[in-house]
Amino acid sequence: MKLRWDEITHVTKADPAKDLPPDLGVLDRTDAVMVGGSDGVTAENTLDTIRAIKRRFPEKPVLQEPYSSSHVSTDTMEAADHLAVPAVYNGDREHFVGKHVDLFTEVGSKPEEVLGTGLPVLGDLIASKGLDAVSRMTNEIVGEGYVVQNPASTAADVTGADEPYTGEEVAGAALATEAFYGFPVFYLEYSGTYGGPDDVEAAATHLDDTVLLYGGGIDGERRTREILDAGADAVVVGDCFHDDPARFLETIPS
């Protein structure tokens, strides 16, 4: 399913390590769902989450956003519409370039030897479907320029993002995302805290074609509207989806 970012203003972040709401009907008005998390996530619970959402909403775009290749399998690739791969600008080398170079090194230089390298998405796909699967996988990847702005979060701990960016650095990262790296998405992640509109405005100044996502502390339509008015293309809402579905519904713009 091709993503139509111009039609998306609200994205739900579903954590496979958390229980889904009893009634998935709360997802009816969200535009897309991103499945991923940094703690307690496996390929198995990721697959369960994707399949549960797709059973209820087969036409709704679902992206898998893994923090580790161990979260990805042939089955998750088949179940999700896209694979969103973060490159964390203010993280350690492993989470900006290391994992990505390792992955494509294996694909490009010795795909027949990938089995057993710890990259199940490649090994399983190549073993079962041949090298055409690598081309398909590449077409389904959505690269994300990613900034983690809450140093106390699990995401920061996992990625080594010890220091949040200043507004000037956020603007620079946004400019690099579009003008140099060519990623289709720039993601400002506050991981449960509300960062407000300032960094959004700084980033939006430099983005024309790249989609600007904001996640963190969205707990009602007022904050959703504030972030969208500041220049974000979409808000990403996660915690209250799991913890308070009624409040989650209030985050969806009318």
C-alpha atoms as a PDB file:
ATOM      1  CA  MET A   1       0.000   0.000   0.000  1.00  0.00           C
ATOM      2  CA  LYS A   2       1.499   3.324  -1.110  1.00  0.00           C
ATOM      3  CA  LEU A   3       1.670   5.914   1.634  1.00  0.00           C
ATOM      4  CA  ARG A   4      -0.128   9.147   0.842  1.00  0.00           C
ATOM      5  CA  TRP A   5       1.572  11.492   3.285  1.00  0.00           C
ATOM      6  CA  ASP A   6      -0.479  14.416   2.031  1.00  0.00           C
ATOM      7  CA  GLU A   7      -3.528  12.685   3.521  1.00  0.00           C
ATOM      8  CA  ILE A   8      -1.968  11.927   6.919  1.00  0.00           C
ATOM      9  CA  THR A   9      -2.154  14.248   9.941  1.00  0.00           C
ATOM     10  CA  HIS A  10      -2.491  11.686  12.757  1.00  0.00           C
ATOM     11  CA  VAL A  11      -0.343   8.579  13.254  1.00  0.00           C
ATOM     12  CA  THR A  12      -0.826   6.055  16.054  1.00  0.00           C
ATOM     13  CA  LYS A  13       2.261   4.459  17.590  1.00  0.00           C
ATOM     14  CA  ALA A  14       1.442   0.924  18.762  1.00  0.00           C
ATOM     15  CA  ASP A  15       3.982  -0.676  21.108  1.00  0.00           C
ATOM     16  CA  PRO A  16       4.041  -4.472  20.655  1.00  0.00           C
ATOM     17  CA  ALA A  17       5.160  -4.919  24.275  1.00  0.00           C
ATOM     18  CA  LYS A  18       1.939  -3.303  25.552  1.00  0.00           C
ATOM     19  CA  ASP A  19      -1.638  -4.548  25.487  1.00  0.00           C
ATOM     20  CA  LEU A  20      -3.830  -3.228  22.717  1.00  0.00           C
ATOM     21  CA  PRO A  21      -7.077  -1.481  23.714  1.00  0.00           C
ATOM     22  CA  PRO A  22     -10.007  -3.903  24.053  1.00  0.00           C
ATOM     23  CA  ASP A  23     -11.757  -2.180  21.149  1.00  0.00           C
ATOM     24  CA  LEU A  24      -9.500  -1.439  18.170  1.00  0.00           C
ATOM     25  CA  GLY A  25     -12.315   0.638  16.748  1.00  0.00           C
ATOM     26  CA  VAL A  26     -10.565   3.629  18.349  1.00  0.00           C
ATOM     27  CA  LEU A  27      -8.197   3.478  15.341  1.00  0.00           C
ATOM     28  CA  ASP A  28     -10.973   4.261  12.902  1.00  0.00           C
ATOM     29  CA  ARG A  29     -10.089   7.955  12.487  1.00  0.00           C
ATOM     30  CA  THR A  30      -6.315   7.746  12.738  1.00  0.00           C
ATOM     31  CA  ASP A  31      -4.630   7.943   9.327  1.00  0.00           C
ATOM     32  CA  ALA A  32      -1.823   5.408   9.778  1.00  0.00           C
ATOM     33  CA  VAL A  33      -0.320   3.131  12.421  1.00  0.00           C
ATOM     34  CA  MET A  34       3.372   2.737  13.248  1.00  0.00           C
ATOM     35  CA  VAL A  35       4.280  -0.442  15.137  1.00  0.00           C
ATOM     36  CA  GLY A  36       7.450  -0.490  17.205  1.00  0.00           C
ATOM     37  CA  GLY A  37       9.067   0.081  20.569  1.00  0.00           C
ATOM     38  CA  SER A  38      12.421  -0.103  22.304  1.00  0.00           C
ATOM     39  CA  ASP A  39      11.777  -2.348  25.324  1.00  0.00           C
ATOM     40  CA  GLY A  40      10.326  -5.860  25.448  1.00  0.00           C
ATOM     41  CA  VAL A  41       9.708  -5.992  21.697  1.00  0.00           C
ATOM     42  CA  THR A  42      10.146  -9.172  19.672  1.00  0.00           C
ATOM     43  CA  ALA A  43       9.393 -10.193  16.110  1.00  0.00           C
ATOM     44  CA  GLU A  44       6.602 -12.359  17.486  1.00  0.00           C
ATOM     45  CA  ASN A  45       4.708  -9.685  19.430  1.00  0.00           C
ATOM     46  CA  THR A  46       5.315  -7.227  16.596  1.00  0.00           C
ATOM     47  CA  LEU A  47       3.674  -9.631  14.174  1.00  0.00           C
ATOM     48  CA  ASP A  48       0.742 -10.183  16.520  1.00  0.00           C
ATOM     49  CA  THR A  49       0.189  -6.430  16.761  1.00  0.00           C
ATOM     50  CA  ILE A  50       0.392  -5.812  13.025  1.00  0.00           C
ATOM     51  CA  ARG A  51      -1.959  -8.679  12.236  1.00  0.00           C
ATOM     52  CA  ALA A  52      -4.516  -7.599  14.841  1.00  0.00           C
ATOM     53  CA  ILE A  53      -4.627  -4.097  13.360  1.00  0.00           C
ATOM     54  CA  LYS A  54      -4.757  -5.340   9.777  1.00  0.00           C
ATOM     55  CA  ARG A  55      -7.595  -7.725  10.550  1.00  0.00           C
ATOM     56  CA  ARG A  56      -9.701  -4.832  11.801  1.00  0.00           C
ATOM     57  CA  PHE A  57      -8.499  -2.242   9.273  1.00  0.00           C
ATOM     58  CA  PRO A  58      -7.055  -3.982   6.199  1.00  0.00           C
ATOM     59  CA  GLU A  59      -6.849  -0.738   4.190  1.00  0.00           C
ATOM     60  CA  LYS A  60      -5.154   1.388   6.865  1.00  0.00           C
ATOM     61  CA  PRO A  61      -1.409   1.920   6.269  1.00  0.00           C
ATOM     62  CA  VAL A  62       0.733   0.096   8.837  1.00  0.00           C
ATOM     63  CA  LEU A  63       4.460   0.710   9.164  1.00  0.00           C
ATOM     64  CA  GLN A  64       6.848  -1.338  11.250  1.00  0.00           C
ATOM     65  CA  GLU A  65       9.503   0.794  12.967  1.00  0.00           C
ATOM     66  CA  PRO A  66      12.072  -1.613  14.455  1.00  0.00           C
ATOM     67  CA  TYR A  67      14.821  -0.652  16.866  1.00  0.00           C
ATOM     68  CA  SER A  68      16.656  -3.893  16.123  1.00  0.00           C
ATOM     69  CA  SER A  69      16.886  -6.318  13.216  1.00  0.00           C
ATOM     70  CA  SER A  70      15.708  -8.995  15.669  1.00  0.00           C
ATOM     71  CA  HIS A  71      12.285  -7.315  15.608  1.00  0.00           C
ATOM     72  CA  VAL A  72      11.946  -8.005  11.883  1.00  0.00           C
ATOM     73  CA  SER A  73      11.122 -11.271  10.150  1.00  0.00           C
ATOM     74  CA  THR A  74       9.746 -12.448   6.845  1.00  0.00           C
ATOM     75  CA  ASP A  75       6.303 -12.517   8.439  1.00  0.00           C
ATOM     76  CA  THR A  76       6.469  -8.943   9.768  1.00  0.00           C
ATOM     77  CA  MET A  77       7.655  -7.748   6.363  1.00  0.00           C
ATOM     78  CA  GLU A  78       4.735  -9.501   4.704  1.00  0.00           C
ATOM     79  CA  ALA A  79       2.210  -8.185   7.228  1.00  0.00           C
ATOM     80  CA  ALA A  80       3.285  -4.506   7.319  1.00  0.00           C
ATOM     81  CA  ASP A  81       3.003  -2.128   4.386  1.00  0.00           C
ATOM     82  CA  HIS A  82       6.351  -0.413   4.983  1.00  0.00           C
ATOM     83  CA  LEU A  83       9.487  -0.677   7.106  1.00  0.00           C
ATOM     84  CA  ALA A  84      10.371   2.664   8.736  1.00  0.00           C
ATOM     85  CA  VAL A  85      14.097   2.773   9.544  1.00  0.00           C
ATOM     86  CA  PRO A  86      15.289   5.545  11.905  1.00  0.00           C
ATOM     87  CA  ALA A  87      18.676   7.198  11.530  1.00  0.00           C
ATOM     88  CA  VAL A  88      19.142   8.936  14.897  1.00  0.00           C
ATOM     89  CA  TYR A  89      21.169  12.106  14.350  1.00  0.00           C
ATOM     90  CA  ASN A  90      21.962  12.719  18.014  1.00  0.00           C
ATOM     91  CA  GLY A  91      22.492   9.044  18.845  1.00  0.00           C
ATOM     92  CA  ASP A  92      25.600   6.913  18.657  1.00  0.00           C
ATOM     93  CA  ARG A  93      27.208   5.795  15.398  1.00  0.00           C
ATOM     94  CA  GLU A  94      25.524   2.408  15.551  1.00  0.00           C
ATOM     95  CA  HIS A  95      22.070   3.954  15.421  1.00  0.00           C
ATOM     96  CA  PHE A  96      22.830   6.549  12.782  1.00  0.00           C
ATOM     97  CA  VAL A  97      24.921   4.689  10.255  1.00  0.00           C
ATOM     98  CA  GLY A  98      26.391   1.479  11.673  1.00  0.00           C
ATOM     99  CA  LYS A  99      23.376  -0.809  11.408  1.00  0.00           C
ATOM    100  CA  HIS A 100      22.359   0.590   8.043  1.00  0.00           C
ATOM    101  CA  VAL A 101      25.779   0.142   6.457  1.00  0.00           C
ATOM    102  CA  ASP A 102      26.064  -3.373   7.856  1.00  0.00           C
ATOM    103  CA  LEU A 103      22.670  -4.313   6.463  1.00  0.00           C
ATOM    104  CA  PHE A 104      23.282  -3.039   2.948  1.00  0.00           C
ATOM    105  CA  THR A 105      26.843  -4.351   2.919  1.00  0.00           C
ATOM    106  CA  GLU A 106      25.426  -7.827   3.369  1.00  0.00           C
ATOM    107  CA  VAL A 107      22.809  -7.266   0.690  1.00  0.00           C
ATOM    108  CA  GLY A 108      25.171  -5.773  -1.847  1.00  0.00           C
ATOM    109  CA  SER A 109      28.260  -7.903  -1.495  1.00  0.00           C
ATOM    110  CA  LYS A 110      27.299 -11.413  -0.429  1.00  0.00           C
ATOM    111  CA  PRO A 111      23.545 -11.953  -0.286  1.00  0.00           C
ATOM    112  CA  GLU A 112      23.918 -15.717  -0.604  1.00  0.00           C
ATOM    113  CA  GLU A 113      25.820 -15.757   2.724  1.00  0.00           C
ATOM    114  CA  VAL A 114      23.403 -13.672   4.754  1.00  0.00           C
ATOM    115  CA  LEU A 115      21.911 -16.622   6.603  1.00  0.00           C
ATOM    116  CA  GLY A 116      23.107 -16.641  10.190  1.00  0.00           C
ATOM    117  CA  THR A 117      24.338 -13.039  10.247  1.00  0.00           C
ATOM    118  CA  GLY A 118      21.701 -11.859  12.705  1.00  0.00           C
ATOM    119  CA  LEU A 119      19.729 -10.046  10.022  1.00  0.00           C
ATOM    120  CA  PRO A 120      16.609 -12.211   9.840  1.00  0.00           C
ATOM    121  CA  VAL A 121      14.783  -9.907   7.472  1.00  0.00           C
ATOM    122  CA  LEU A 122      17.425 -10.540   4.838  1.00  0.00           C
ATOM    123  CA  GLY A 123      18.242 -14.150   5.544  1.00  0.00           C
ATOM    124  CA  ASP A 124      14.646 -15.325   5.630  1.00  0.00           C
ATOM    125  CA  LEU A 125      13.576 -13.325   2.601  1.00  0.00           C
ATOM    126  CA  ILE A 126      16.483 -14.436   0.463  1.00  0.00           C
ATOM    127  CA  ALA A 127      16.158 -18.049   1.512  1.00  0.00           C
ATOM    128  CA  SER A 128      12.443 -18.184   0.763  1.00  0.00           C
ATOM    129  CA  LYS A 129      12.001 -15.807  -2.166  1.00  0.00           C
ATOM    130  CA  GLY A 130      15.351 -15.097  -3.759  1.00  0.00           C
ATOM    131  CA  LEU A 131      17.079 -11.825  -4.567  1.00  0.00           C
ATOM    132  CA  ASP A 132      13.906 -10.208  -5.936  1.00  0.00           C
ATOM    133  CA  ALA A 133      12.842  -9.938  -2.303  1.00  0.00           C
ATOM    134  CA  VAL A 134      15.793  -7.634  -1.595  1.00  0.00           C
ATOM    135  CA  SER A 135      14.594  -5.226  -4.264  1.00  0.00           C
ATOM    136  CA  ARG A 136      11.077  -5.356  -2.838  1.00  0.00           C
ATOM    137  CA  MET A 137      12.373  -4.751   0.678  1.00  0.00           C
ATOM    138  CA  THR A 138      14.370  -1.733  -0.487  1.00  0.00           C
ATOM    139  CA  ASN A 139      11.305  -0.241  -2.149  1.00  0.00           C
ATOM    140  CA  GLU A 140       9.295  -0.653   1.055  1.00  0.00           C
ATOM    141  CA  ILE A 141      11.818   1.059   3.341  1.00  0.00           C
ATOM    142  CA  VAL A 142      10.941   4.522   4.635  1.00  0.00           C
ATOM    143  CA  GLY A 143      14.078   6.257   5.882  1.00  0.00           C
ATOM    144  CA  GLU A 144      13.588   8.591   8.839  1.00  0.00           C
ATOM    145  CA  GLY A 145      15.916  11.353   9.909  1.00  0.00           C
ATOM    146  CA  TYR A 146      15.335  11.107  13.657  1.00  0.00           C
ATOM    147  CA  VAL A 147      16.039  13.367  16.621  1.00  0.00           C
ATOM    148  CA  VAL A 148      15.420  12.102  20.172  1.00  0.00           C
ATOM    149  CA  GLN A 149      14.714  15.107  22.413  1.00  0.00           C
ATOM    150  CA  ASN A 150      14.038  13.405  25.770  1.00  0.00           C
ATOM    151  CA  PRO A 151      17.361  12.167  27.219  1.00  0.00           C
ATOM    152  CA  ALA A 152      15.515  10.404  30.075  1.00  0.00           C
ATOM    153  CA  SER A 153      13.569   8.162  27.704  1.00  0.00           C
ATOM    154  CA  THR A 154      14.171   4.522  26.870  1.00  0.00           C
ATOM    155  CA  ALA A 155      14.600   5.537  23.236  1.00  0.00           C
ATOM    156  CA  ALA A 156      17.466   7.847  24.209  1.00  0.00           C
ATOM    157  CA  ASP A 157      19.068   5.141  26.328  1.00  0.00           C
ATOM    158  CA  VAL A 158      18.841   2.573  23.535  1.00  0.00           C
ATOM    159  CA  THR A 159      20.170   4.879  20.819  1.00  0.00           C
ATOM    160  CA  GLY A 160      22.769   6.750  22.868  1.00  0.00           C
ATOM    161  CA  ALA A 161      20.998  10.096  22.420  1.00  0.00           C
ATOM    162  CA  ASP A 162      22.355  11.661  25.597  1.00  0.00           C
ATOM    163  CA  GLU A 163      21.896  15.296  24.617  1.00  0.00           C
ATOM    164  CA  PRO A 164      18.842  16.921  23.040  1.00  0.00           C
ATOM    165  CA  TYR A 165      19.454  19.219  20.101  1.00  0.00           C
ATOM    166  CA  THR A 166      19.150  22.967  20.343  1.00  0.00           C
ATOM    167  CA  GLY A 167      16.645  24.675  18.066  1.00  0.00           C
ATOM    168  CA  GLU A 168      19.461  25.581  15.692  1.00  0.00           C
ATOM    169  CA  GLU A 169      20.620  21.963  15.574  1.00  0.00           C
ATOM    170  CA  VAL A 170      17.067  20.744  14.961  1.00  0.00           C
ATOM    171  CA  ALA A 171      16.869  23.136  12.018  1.00  0.00           C
ATOM    172  CA  GLY A 172      20.215  21.877  10.740  1.00  0.00           C
ATOM    173  CA  ALA A 173      19.124  18.256  11.053  1.00  0.00           C
ATOM    174  CA  ALA A 174      15.935  19.006   9.138  1.00  0.00           C
ATOM    175  CA  LEU A 175      17.881  20.742   6.387  1.00  0.00           C
ATOM    176  CA  ALA A 176      20.315  17.822   6.165  1.00  0.00           C
ATOM    177  CA  THR A 177      17.412  15.361   6.013  1.00  0.00           C
ATOM    178  CA  GLU A 178      15.914  16.961   2.916  1.00  0.00           C
ATOM    179  CA  ALA A 179      18.846  18.564   1.128  1.00  0.00           C
ATOM    180  CA  PHE A 180      21.608  16.013   1.778  1.00  0.00           C
ATOM    181  CA  TYR A 181      20.308  12.635   2.935  1.00  0.00           C
ATOM    182  CA  GLY A 182      17.040  12.703   1.004  1.00  0.00           C
ATOM    183  CA  PHE A 183      15.039  10.851   3.666  1.00  0.00           C
ATOM    184  CA  PRO A 184      11.281  11.148   3.086  1.00  0.00           C
ATOM    185  CA  VAL A 185      10.583  11.666   6.820  1.00  0.00           C
ATOM    186  CA  PHE A 186      12.022  13.877   9.565  1.00  0.00           C
ATOM    187  CA  TYR A 187      10.850  12.767  13.016  1.00  0.00           C
ATOM    188  CA  LEU A 188      11.039  14.855  16.204  1.00  0.00           C
ATOM    189  CA  GLU A 189      10.590  12.430  19.118  1.00  0.00           C
ATOM    190  CA  TYR A 190       9.971  13.639  22.673  1.00  0.00           C
ATOM    191  CA  SER A 191       9.029  10.205  24.066  1.00  0.00           C
ATOM    192  CA  GLY A 192       6.167  10.974  26.442  1.00  0.00           C
ATOM    193  CA  THR A 193       7.021  14.607  27.157  1.00  0.00           C
ATOM    194  CA  TYR A 194       5.596  17.614  25.350  1.00  0.00           C
ATOM    195  CA  GLY A 195       8.213  19.625  23.525  1.00  0.00           C
ATOM    196  CA  GLY A 196       5.950  22.375  22.231  1.00  0.00           C
ATOM    197  CA  PRO A 197       5.981  24.124  18.871  1.00  0.00           C
ATOM    198  CA  ASP A 198       9.405  25.821  18.865  1.00  0.00           C
ATOM    199  CA  ASP A 199      11.471  22.938  17.463  1.00  0.00           C
ATOM    200  CA  VAL A 200       8.677  22.119  15.024  1.00  0.00           C
ATOM    201  CA  GLU A 201       8.790  25.653  13.666  1.00  0.00           C
ATOM    202  CA  ALA A 202      12.596  25.498  13.427  1.00  0.00           C
ATOM    203  CA  ALA A 203      12.454  22.251  11.447  1.00  0.00           C
ATOM    204  CA  ALA A 204       9.509  23.193   9.226  1.00  0.00           C
ATOM    205  CA  THR A 205      11.386  26.228   7.907  1.00  0.00           C
ATOM    206  CA  HIS A 206      13.731  23.914   5.994  1.00  0.00           C
ATOM    207  CA  LEU A 207      11.317  21.233   4.803  1.00  0.00           C
ATOM    208  CA  ASP A 208       9.396  21.373   1.549  1.00  0.00           C
ATOM    209  CA  ASP A 209       9.192  17.783   0.316  1.00  0.00           C
ATOM    210  CA  THR A 210      10.159  15.887   3.482  1.00  0.00           C
ATOM    211  CA  VAL A 211       7.346  14.944   5.872  1.00  0.00           C
ATOM    212  CA  LEU A 212       7.681  16.331   9.413  1.00  0.00           C
ATOM    213  CA  LEU A 213       6.421  14.034  12.167  1.00  0.00           C
ATOM    214  CA  TYR A 214       6.202  15.072  15.823  1.00  0.00           C
ATOM    215  CA  GLY A 215       5.747  12.607  18.699  1.00  0.00           C
ATOM    216  CA  GLY A 216       5.550  13.223  22.452  1.00  0.00           C
ATOM    217  CA  GLY A 217       3.040  14.380  25.017  1.00  0.00           C
ATOM    218  CA  ILE A 218       0.064  14.735  22.674  1.00  0.00           C
ATOM    219  CA  ASP A 219      -2.912  14.287  25.015  1.00  0.00           C
ATOM    220  CA  GLY A 220      -5.708  16.233  23.338  1.00  0.00           C
ATOM    221  CA  GLU A 221      -6.755  18.153  20.260  1.00  0.00           C
ATOM    222  CA  ARG A 222      -5.344  21.433  21.576  1.00  0.00           C
ATOM    223  CA  ARG A 223      -1.784  20.123  21.495  1.00  0.00           C
ATOM    224  CA  THR A 224      -2.396  18.326  18.217  1.00  0.00           C
ATOM    225  CA  ARG A 225      -3.554  21.576  16.664  1.00  0.00           C
ATOM    226  CA  GLU A 226      -0.666  23.552  18.165  1.00  0.00           C
ATOM    227  CA  ILE A 227       1.894  21.180  16.647  1.00  0.00           C
ATOM    228  CA  LEU A 228       0.172  21.041  13.248  1.00  0.00           C
ATOM    229  CA  ASP A 229      -0.157  24.822  13.166  1.00  0.00           C
ATOM    230  CA  ALA A 230       3.573  25.086  13.918  1.00  0.00           C
ATOM    231  CA  GLY A 231       4.341  23.229  10.693  1.00  0.00           C
ATOM    232  CA  ALA A 232       4.248  19.495  11.426  1.00  0.00           C
ATOM    233  CA  ASP A 233       2.586  17.343   8.791  1.00  0.00           C
ATOM    234  CA  ALA A 234       1.384  14.838  11.384  1.00  0.00           C
ATOM    235  CA  VAL A 235       1.447  14.068  15.102  1.00  0.00           C
ATOM    236  CA  VAL A 236       2.376  10.625  16.385  1.00  0.00           C
ATOM    237  CA  VAL A 237       0.387   9.482  19.437  1.00  0.00           C
ATOM    238  CA  GLY A 238       1.354   6.411  21.445  1.00  0.00           C
ATOM    239  CA  ASP A 239       1.059   6.350  25.228  1.00  0.00           C
ATOM    240  CA  CYS A 240      -2.599   7.277  25.566  1.00  0.00           C
ATOM    241  CA  PHE A 241      -3.547   4.851  22.793  1.00  0.00           C
ATOM    242  CA  HIS A 242      -2.590   2.050  25.172  1.00  0.00           C
ATOM    243  CA  ASP A 243      -3.349   3.706  28.509  1.00  0.00           C
ATOM    244  CA  ASP A 244      -6.436   5.861  27.909  1.00  0.00           C
ATOM    245  CA  PRO A 245      -8.308   5.175  24.644  1.00  0.00           C
ATOM    246  CA  ALA A 246     -10.940   7.822  25.419  1.00  0.00           C
ATOM    247  CA  ARG A 247      -8.260  10.501  25.707  1.00  0.00           C
ATOM    248  CA  PHE A 248      -6.555   9.091  22.623  1.00  0.00           C
ATOM    249  CA  LEU A 249      -9.673   9.838  20.603  1.00  0.00           C
ATOM    250  CA  GLU A 250      -9.418  13.462  21.714  1.00  0.00           C
ATOM    251  CA  THR A 251      -5.985  13.771  20.036  1.00  0.00           C
ATOM    252  CA  ILE A 252      -7.418  13.163  16.564  1.00  0.00           C
ATOM    253  CA  PRO A 253      -8.007  16.473  14.746  1.00  0.00           C
ATOM    254  CA  SER A 254     -11.619  17.097  13.740  1.00  0.00           C
END
